[in-house]
Amino acid sequence: MNYEISREPIDIQLVIDKVVQREAGAINTFIGTVRELTKGKKTLFLIYEAYESMAVKKLEQIGREIEERWEGSRVAITHRVGKLDITDVAVVIAVSTPHRADSYEANRYAIERIKEIVPIWKKEHWEDGEEWMGNQLETVAYPTGKPEEADLNE
């Protein structure tokens, strides 16, 4: 299964293995981890929750969108739910394409679409409180089917 919600730690190599293909000249992997500081607040841990069946359908939709826009691409996405500690892996996206530039663009597109349409929420637990976060994060518009330049340092 190329699109999964997992309650267990994500095996990064397993996600990558799902997109290996002879035609690929590049495999780009995005690994989202839990960071300690967010907007000046010290994070203790996160709790991720998902409407799992819908989340998988939306991950599949993202995969189809990528495969339609970037010819010869193959996609795998695994997102973890439950309690995650600092440095734990929350999401792994692997995209293989015939050409390197396409794999970067398609992978960036995937993470932005996840934040935009996949029903996954996180509860940030800080030293001084907690807050549920939804999919209200910044998104990048892709009107031509190819990502525009965006700040990759987020």
N, C-alpha and C. Protein backbone atom coordinates (compact mmCIF):
# COMPACT_ATOMS: atom_id res chain seq x y z
N MET A 1 0.84 -1.17 0.00
CA MET A 1 0.00 0.00 0.00
C MET A 1 0.89 1.25 0.00
N ASN A 2 0.73 2.12 -0.99
CA ASN A 2 1.59 3.30 -1.12
C ASN A 2 1.16 4.47 -0.25
N TYR A 3 -0.07 4.42 0.28
CA TYR A 3 -0.60 5.54 1.06
C TYR A 3 -1.14 5.00 2.37
N GLU A 4 -0.53 5.48 3.48
CA GLU A 4 -0.87 4.89 4.77
C GLU A 4 -0.91 5.91 5.89
N ILE A 5 -1.74 5.60 6.87
CA ILE A 5 -1.72 6.25 8.17
C ILE A 5 -1.20 5.17 9.12
N SER A 6 -0.18 5.52 9.90
CA SER A 6 0.46 4.53 10.76
C SER A 6 0.42 4.97 12.22
N ARG A 7 0.21 4.00 13.09
CA ARG A 7 0.30 4.27 14.53
C ARG A 7 1.68 3.90 15.08
N GLU A 8 2.48 3.32 14.23
CA GLU A 8 3.83 2.89 14.62
C GLU A 8 4.88 3.80 13.98
N PRO A 9 6.11 3.80 14.50
CA PRO A 9 7.17 4.56 13.85
C PRO A 9 7.28 4.17 12.36
N ILE A 10 7.58 5.16 11.53
CA ILE A 10 7.63 4.95 10.09
C ILE A 10 8.99 4.39 9.68
N ASP A 11 8.97 3.32 8.91
CA ASP A 11 10.18 2.75 8.33
C ASP A 11 10.46 3.52 7.04
N ILE A 12 11.38 4.46 7.09
CA ILE A 12 11.66 5.36 5.96
C ILE A 12 12.07 4.56 4.72
N GLN A 13 12.92 3.57 4.89
CA GLN A 13 13.38 2.79 3.74
C GLN A 13 12.23 2.04 3.07
N LEU A 14 11.28 1.57 3.85
CA LEU A 14 10.13 0.88 3.29
C LEU A 14 9.30 1.80 2.39
N VAL A 15 9.14 3.06 2.81
CA VAL A 15 8.42 4.03 1.98
C VAL A 15 9.19 4.28 0.69
N ILE A 16 10.48 4.46 0.79
CA ILE A 16 11.31 4.68 -0.41
C ILE A 16 11.22 3.49 -1.35
N ASP A 17 11.30 2.29 -0.80
CA ASP A 17 11.26 1.07 -1.63
C ASP A 17 10.01 0.99 -2.49
N LYS A 18 8.92 1.59 -2.04
CA LYS A 18 7.66 1.54 -2.79
C LYS A 18 7.70 2.33 -4.09
N VAL A 19 8.66 3.25 -4.23
CA VAL A 19 8.71 4.08 -5.44
C VAL A 19 9.89 3.76 -6.36
N VAL A 20 10.70 2.81 -5.98
CA VAL A 20 11.85 2.44 -6.82
C VAL A 20 11.33 1.88 -8.14
N GLN A 21 11.90 2.39 -9.23
CA GLN A 21 11.53 1.91 -10.56
C GLN A 21 12.72 2.10 -11.50
N ARG A 22 12.83 1.25 -12.48
CA ARG A 22 13.95 1.29 -13.43
C ARG A 22 14.01 2.59 -14.22
N GLU A 23 12.86 3.21 -14.44
CA GLU A 23 12.79 4.42 -15.25
C GLU A 23 13.18 5.67 -14.47
N ALA A 24 13.32 5.56 -13.16
CA ALA A 24 13.57 6.72 -12.31
C ALA A 24 15.03 7.12 -12.33
N GLY A 25 15.25 8.41 -12.54
CA GLY A 25 16.58 8.97 -12.42
C GLY A 25 16.77 9.66 -11.08
N ALA A 26 15.66 9.78 -10.32
CA ALA A 26 15.73 10.45 -9.02
C ALA A 26 14.62 9.94 -8.11
N ILE A 27 14.95 9.85 -6.85
CA ILE A 27 13.96 9.62 -5.80
C ILE A 27 14.18 10.72 -4.78
N ASN A 28 13.14 11.52 -4.57
CA ASN A 28 13.21 12.60 -3.60
C ASN A 28 12.38 12.19 -2.40
N THR A 29 12.96 12.31 -1.22
CA THR A 29 12.27 11.92 0.00
C THR A 29 12.16 13.11 0.94
N PHE A 30 10.95 13.38 1.39
CA PHE A 30 10.71 14.39 2.40
C PHE A 30 10.40 13.66 3.70
N ILE A 31 11.11 14.05 4.76
CA ILE A 31 10.88 13.46 6.07
C ILE A 31 10.54 14.60 7.02
N GLY A 32 9.29 14.64 7.45
CA GLY A 32 8.85 15.66 8.40
C GLY A 32 9.01 15.15 9.81
N THR A 33 9.69 15.92 10.64
CA THR A 33 9.96 15.51 12.02
C THR A 33 9.36 16.51 13.01
N VAL A 34 9.27 16.09 14.25
CA VAL A 34 8.76 16.95 15.31
C VAL A 34 9.90 17.81 15.82
N ARG A 35 9.69 19.11 15.76
CA ARG A 35 10.73 20.04 16.22
C ARG A 35 10.43 20.53 17.63
N GLU A 36 11.47 20.99 18.30
CA GLU A 36 11.32 21.40 19.69
C GLU A 36 10.75 22.81 19.84
N LEU A 37 11.08 23.71 18.94
CA LEU A 37 10.62 25.09 19.05
C LEU A 37 9.70 25.44 17.88
N THR A 38 8.52 25.98 18.19
CA THR A 38 7.59 26.44 17.19
C THR A 38 7.14 27.85 17.58
N LYS A 39 7.50 28.82 16.74
CA LYS A 39 7.12 30.22 16.99
C LYS A 39 7.50 30.65 18.41
N GLY A 40 8.70 30.26 18.82
CA GLY A 40 9.21 30.68 20.12
C GLY A 40 8.73 29.87 21.31
N LYS A 41 7.87 28.89 21.08
CA LYS A 41 7.37 28.06 22.17
C LYS A 41 8.08 26.71 22.16
N LYS A 42 8.42 26.23 23.35
CA LYS A 42 9.08 24.94 23.47
C LYS A 42 8.04 23.83 23.45
N THR A 43 8.13 22.97 22.44
CA THR A 43 7.21 21.85 22.30
C THR A 43 7.71 20.69 23.16
N LEU A 44 6.79 20.06 23.89
CA LEU A 44 7.13 18.87 24.67
C LEU A 44 6.87 17.61 23.85
N PHE A 45 5.71 17.58 23.15
CA PHE A 45 5.35 16.47 22.27
C PHE A 45 4.14 16.89 21.46
N LEU A 46 3.79 16.10 20.45
CA LEU A 46 2.62 16.33 19.62
C LEU A 46 1.71 15.11 19.68
N ILE A 47 0.43 15.34 19.50
CA ILE A 47 -0.53 14.26 19.30
C ILE A 47 -1.15 14.50 17.92
N TYR A 48 -1.01 13.54 17.02
CA TYR A 48 -1.65 13.61 15.70
C TYR A 48 -2.88 12.73 15.70
N GLU A 49 -3.97 13.25 15.13
CA GLU A 49 -5.17 12.47 14.93
C GLU A 49 -5.60 12.64 13.48
N ALA A 50 -6.30 11.65 12.96
CA ALA A 50 -6.76 11.71 11.57
C ALA A 50 -8.11 11.04 11.44
N TYR A 51 -8.86 11.50 10.48
CA TYR A 51 -10.03 10.79 10.01
C TYR A 51 -9.41 9.82 9.00
N GLU A 52 -9.04 8.63 9.48
CA GLU A 52 -8.10 7.77 8.77
C GLU A 52 -8.57 7.33 7.39
N SER A 53 -9.80 6.86 7.26
CA SER A 53 -10.23 6.38 5.94
C SER A 53 -10.24 7.51 4.92
N MET A 54 -10.68 8.70 5.33
CA MET A 54 -10.68 9.85 4.43
C MET A 54 -9.25 10.33 4.17
N ALA A 55 -8.40 10.28 5.19
CA ALA A 55 -7.02 10.71 5.02
C ALA A 55 -6.32 9.86 3.96
N VAL A 56 -6.52 8.55 4.00
CA VAL A 56 -5.91 7.66 3.00
C VAL A 56 -6.44 7.99 1.61
N LYS A 57 -7.75 8.24 1.49
CA LYS A 57 -8.32 8.60 0.18
C LYS A 57 -7.71 9.89 -0.34
N LYS A 58 -7.48 10.86 0.53
CA LYS A 58 -6.89 12.13 0.11
C LYS A 58 -5.41 11.95 -0.25
N LEU A 59 -4.69 11.09 0.47
CA LEU A 59 -3.30 10.80 0.10
C LEU A 59 -3.25 10.14 -1.27
N GLU A 60 -4.19 9.22 -1.53
CA GLU A 60 -4.27 8.59 -2.86
C GLU A 60 -4.56 9.63 -3.93
N GLN A 61 -5.44 10.58 -3.62
CA GLN A 61 -5.75 11.65 -4.57
C GLN A 61 -4.50 12.46 -4.91
N ILE A 62 -3.73 12.79 -3.89
CA ILE A 62 -2.49 13.54 -4.11
C ILE A 62 -1.55 12.74 -5.00
N GLY A 63 -1.45 11.44 -4.75
CA GLY A 63 -0.61 10.59 -5.59
C GLY A 63 -1.05 10.61 -7.05
N ARG A 64 -2.37 10.52 -7.27
CA ARG A 64 -2.90 10.58 -8.65
C ARG A 64 -2.61 11.92 -9.30
N GLU A 65 -2.77 13.00 -8.53
CA GLU A 65 -2.48 14.34 -9.07
C GLU A 65 -1.02 14.43 -9.52
N ILE A 66 -0.13 13.91 -8.71
CA ILE A 66 1.30 13.95 -9.05
C ILE A 66 1.57 13.10 -10.29
N GLU A 67 1.03 11.90 -10.31
CA GLU A 67 1.27 11.01 -11.45
C GLU A 67 0.71 11.59 -12.75
N GLU A 68 -0.34 12.39 -12.68
CA GLU A 68 -0.89 13.04 -13.87
C GLU A 68 -0.04 14.23 -14.30
N ARG A 69 0.54 14.95 -13.36
CA ARG A 69 1.29 16.17 -13.67
C ARG A 69 2.76 15.92 -14.00
N TRP A 70 3.34 14.90 -13.39
CA TRP A 70 4.75 14.60 -13.62
C TRP A 70 4.84 13.20 -14.21
N GLU A 71 4.99 13.14 -15.50
CA GLU A 71 4.99 11.88 -16.24
C GLU A 71 6.07 10.93 -15.71
N GLY A 72 5.67 9.68 -15.53
CA GLY A 72 6.61 8.65 -15.08
C GLY A 72 6.87 8.66 -13.59
N SER A 73 6.09 9.45 -12.83
CA SER A 73 6.33 9.52 -11.38
C SER A 73 5.64 8.38 -10.65
N ARG A 74 6.17 8.08 -9.49
CA ARG A 74 5.58 7.10 -8.58
C ARG A 74 5.68 7.71 -7.18
N VAL A 75 4.62 7.55 -6.37
CA VAL A 75 4.53 8.23 -5.09
C VAL A 75 4.17 7.26 -3.96
N ALA A 76 4.73 7.50 -2.78
CA ALA A 76 4.33 6.79 -1.56
C ALA A 76 4.35 7.81 -0.42
N ILE A 77 3.30 7.76 0.41
CA ILE A 77 3.20 8.69 1.54
C ILE A 77 2.72 7.91 2.76
N THR A 78 3.43 8.09 3.87
CA THR A 78 3.00 7.53 5.15
C THR A 78 3.01 8.65 6.18
N HIS A 79 1.89 8.80 6.88
CA HIS A 79 1.79 9.81 7.95
C HIS A 79 1.49 9.09 9.25
N ARG A 80 2.18 9.46 10.28
CA ARG A 80 2.01 8.82 11.59
C ARG A 80 0.97 9.57 12.42
N VAL A 81 0.23 8.84 13.23
CA VAL A 81 -0.69 9.44 14.18
C VAL A 81 -0.37 8.90 15.58
N GLY A 82 -0.93 9.57 16.59
CA GLY A 82 -0.65 9.20 17.97
C GLY A 82 0.31 10.21 18.59
N LYS A 83 0.92 9.82 19.71
CA LYS A 83 1.86 10.70 20.40
C LYS A 83 3.24 10.60 19.75
N LEU A 84 3.78 11.76 19.39
CA LEU A 84 5.12 11.82 18.81
C LEU A 84 5.99 12.74 19.66
N ASP A 85 7.18 12.28 19.96
CA ASP A 85 8.13 13.05 20.74
C ASP A 85 9.03 13.87 19.81
N ILE A 86 9.79 14.75 20.41
CA ILE A 86 10.73 15.58 19.65
C ILE A 86 11.66 14.66 18.85
N THR A 87 11.88 14.99 17.62
CA THR A 87 12.69 14.29 16.59
C THR A 87 12.00 13.09 15.97
N ASP A 88 10.83 12.68 16.46
CA ASP A 88 10.12 11.57 15.82
C ASP A 88 9.71 11.96 14.40
N VAL A 89 9.63 10.98 13.53
CA VAL A 89 9.21 11.20 12.15
C VAL A 89 7.69 11.19 12.09
N ALA A 90 7.11 12.28 11.56
CA ALA A 90 5.66 12.41 11.46
C ALA A 90 5.15 12.03 10.07
N VAL A 91 5.91 12.32 9.04
CA VAL A 91 5.46 12.03 7.68
C VAL A 91 6.67 11.73 6.79
N VAL A 92 6.49 10.77 5.88
CA VAL A 92 7.50 10.48 4.87
C VAL A 92 6.81 10.48 3.52
N ILE A 93 7.37 11.25 2.60
CA ILE A 93 6.87 11.31 1.22
C ILE A 93 8.04 10.92 0.33
N ALA A 94 7.84 9.93 -0.51
CA ALA A 94 8.86 9.53 -1.48
C ALA A 94 8.26 9.66 -2.88
N VAL A 95 8.99 10.33 -3.76
CA VAL A 95 8.55 10.51 -5.15
C VAL A 95 9.71 10.15 -6.07
N SER A 96 9.46 9.21 -6.98
CA SER A 96 10.47 8.92 -7.99
C SER A 96 9.98 9.45 -9.34
N THR A 97 10.91 9.97 -10.11
CA THR A 97 10.61 10.51 -11.44
C THR A 97 11.81 10.25 -12.34
N PRO A 98 11.60 10.34 -13.65
CA PRO A 98 12.73 10.17 -14.56
C PRO A 98 13.80 11.25 -14.39
N HIS A 99 13.38 12.46 -13.97
CA HIS A 99 14.33 13.58 -13.87
C HIS A 99 14.29 14.22 -12.49
N ARG A 100 15.46 14.65 -12.03
CA ARG A 100 15.65 15.18 -10.68
C ARG A 100 14.73 16.37 -10.36
N ALA A 101 14.68 17.36 -11.24
CA ALA A 101 13.89 18.56 -10.96
C ALA A 101 12.42 18.21 -10.72
N ASP A 102 11.89 17.26 -11.49
CA ASP A 102 10.50 16.86 -11.30
C ASP A 102 10.28 16.22 -9.94
N SER A 103 11.24 15.45 -9.45
CA SER A 103 11.05 14.81 -8.14
C SER A 103 11.01 15.84 -7.03
N TYR A 104 11.84 16.89 -7.12
CA TYR A 104 11.78 17.96 -6.12
C TYR A 104 10.43 18.67 -6.16
N GLU A 105 10.01 19.04 -7.36
CA GLU A 105 8.76 19.78 -7.51
C GLU A 105 7.56 18.95 -7.05
N ALA A 106 7.52 17.70 -7.43
CA ALA A 106 6.40 16.85 -7.07
C ALA A 106 6.36 16.61 -5.56
N ASN A 107 7.50 16.47 -4.94
CA ASN A 107 7.54 16.25 -3.50
C ASN A 107 7.06 17.49 -2.76
N ARG A 108 7.49 18.65 -3.19
CA ARG A 108 7.03 19.91 -2.57
C ARG A 108 5.51 20.03 -2.73
N TYR A 109 5.02 19.70 -3.91
CA TYR A 109 3.59 19.73 -4.17
C TYR A 109 2.86 18.81 -3.18
N ALA A 110 3.40 17.62 -2.95
CA ALA A 110 2.75 16.65 -2.06
C ALA A 110 2.60 17.19 -0.65
N ILE A 111 3.65 17.76 -0.06
CA ILE A 111 3.54 18.22 1.32
C ILE A 111 2.58 19.39 1.42
N GLU A 112 2.56 20.26 0.43
CA GLU A 112 1.62 21.38 0.47
C GLU A 112 0.18 20.89 0.34
N ARG A 113 -0.06 19.93 -0.50
CA ARG A 113 -1.42 19.37 -0.66
C ARG A 113 -1.85 18.62 0.60
N ILE A 114 -0.93 17.93 1.26
CA ILE A 114 -1.27 17.26 2.51
C ILE A 114 -1.78 18.29 3.52
N LYS A 115 -1.05 19.38 3.67
CA LYS A 115 -1.45 20.42 4.62
C LYS A 115 -2.78 21.05 4.22
N GLU A 116 -3.07 21.03 2.93
CA GLU A 116 -4.26 21.68 2.42
C GLU A 116 -5.53 20.82 2.51
N ILE A 117 -5.43 19.52 2.19
CA ILE A 117 -6.67 18.73 2.02
C ILE A 117 -6.80 17.47 2.88
N VAL A 118 -5.75 17.04 3.53
CA VAL A 118 -5.82 15.77 4.26
C VAL A 118 -6.30 16.03 5.70
N PRO A 119 -7.36 15.31 6.14
CA PRO A 119 -7.91 15.53 7.48
C PRO A 119 -7.04 14.92 8.58
N ILE A 120 -5.96 15.63 8.87
CA ILE A 120 -5.04 15.26 9.95
C ILE A 120 -4.87 16.51 10.81
N TRP A 121 -4.98 16.32 12.12
CA TRP A 121 -4.83 17.42 13.05
C TRP A 121 -3.75 17.08 14.05
N LYS A 122 -3.12 18.13 14.56
CA LYS A 122 -2.13 17.88 15.61
C LYS A 122 -2.43 18.77 16.80
N LYS A 123 -2.17 18.20 17.95
CA LYS A 123 -2.28 18.95 19.20
C LYS A 123 -0.86 19.19 19.68
N GLU A 124 -0.49 20.46 19.71
CA GLU A 124 0.85 20.81 20.18
C GLU A 124 0.80 20.96 21.69
N HIS A 125 1.68 20.25 22.37
CA HIS A 125 1.79 20.35 23.83
C HIS A 125 3.07 21.11 24.13
N TRP A 126 2.91 22.28 24.75
CA TRP A 126 4.03 23.14 25.10
C TRP A 126 4.24 23.14 26.60
N GLU A 127 5.28 23.79 27.02
CA GLU A 127 5.54 23.92 28.47
C GLU A 127 4.40 24.66 29.17
N ASP A 128 3.76 25.59 28.46
CA ASP A 128 2.74 26.43 29.10
C ASP A 128 1.33 26.24 28.54
N GLY A 129 1.06 25.12 27.91
CA GLY A 129 -0.29 24.89 27.40
C GLY A 129 -0.31 23.96 26.20
N GLU A 130 -1.45 23.94 25.53
CA GLU A 130 -1.62 23.06 24.38
C GLU A 130 -2.62 23.70 23.42
N GLU A 131 -2.58 23.28 22.15
CA GLU A 131 -3.49 23.83 21.15
C GLU A 131 -3.64 22.84 20.01
N TRP A 132 -4.90 22.65 19.56
CA TRP A 132 -5.16 21.83 18.37
C TRP A 132 -4.88 22.67 17.15
N MET A 133 -4.19 22.08 16.20
CA MET A 133 -3.89 22.74 14.93
C MET A 133 -4.55 21.93 13.83
N GLY A 134 -5.18 22.59 12.89
CA GLY A 134 -5.82 21.89 11.77
C GLY A 134 -5.06 22.13 10.49
N ASN A 135 -5.75 22.07 9.38
CA ASN A 135 -5.13 22.26 8.07
C ASN A 135 -5.19 23.72 7.63
N GLN A 136 -5.05 24.65 8.57
CA GLN A 136 -5.11 26.05 8.23
C GLN A 136 -3.71 26.63 7.94
N LEU A 137 -2.76 25.77 7.65
CA LEU A 137 -1.40 26.20 7.37
C LEU A 137 -1.31 26.86 6.00
N GLU A 138 -0.24 27.60 5.78
CA GLU A 138 -0.03 28.24 4.48
C GLU A 138 0.03 27.20 3.38
N THR A 139 -0.55 27.53 2.25
CA THR A 139 -0.48 26.65 1.10
C THR A 139 0.03 27.44 -0.09
N VAL A 140 0.56 26.75 -1.05
CA VAL A 140 1.07 27.37 -2.26
C VAL A 140 0.14 27.00 -3.40
N ALA A 141 -0.21 27.99 -4.22
CA ALA A 141 -1.09 27.71 -5.36
C ALA A 141 -0.28 27.15 -6.52
N TYR A 142 -0.85 26.18 -7.22
CA TYR A 142 -0.19 25.56 -8.36
C TYR A 142 -1.11 25.61 -9.58
N PRO A 143 -1.40 26.82 -10.11
CA PRO A 143 -2.37 26.93 -11.19
C PRO A 143 -1.93 26.27 -12.49
N THR A 144 -0.65 26.14 -12.72
CA THR A 144 -0.18 25.55 -13.97
C THR A 144 0.15 24.08 -13.84
N GLY A 145 -0.02 23.54 -12.66
CA GLY A 145 0.31 22.13 -12.45
C GLY A 145 1.74 21.93 -12.03
N LYS A 146 2.54 22.99 -12.02
CA LYS A 146 3.92 22.91 -11.56
C LYS A 146 4.09 23.88 -10.40
N PRO A 147 4.78 23.48 -9.35
CA PRO A 147 4.94 24.38 -8.20
C PRO A 147 5.73 25.63 -8.56
N GLU A 148 5.30 26.72 -7.98
CA GLU A 148 6.06 27.96 -8.10
C GLU A 148 7.14 27.92 -7.03
N GLU A 149 8.14 28.78 -7.19
CA GLU A 149 9.19 28.83 -6.17
C GLU A 149 8.58 29.20 -4.84
N ALA A 150 9.02 28.57 -3.81
CA ALA A 150 8.51 28.85 -2.46
C ALA A 150 9.66 28.74 -1.49
N ASP A 151 9.46 29.27 -0.30
CA ASP A 151 10.49 29.22 0.73
C ASP A 151 10.59 27.80 1.25
N LEU A 152 11.71 27.13 0.98
CA LEU A 152 11.89 25.75 1.40
C LEU A 152 12.47 25.64 2.80
N ASN A 153 12.66 26.80 3.48
CA ASN A 153 13.27 26.79 4.80
C ASN A 153 12.26 26.72 5.92
N GLU A 154 10.99 26.50 5.61
CA GLU A 154 9.97 26.43 6.65
C GLU A 154 10.17 25.22 7.52
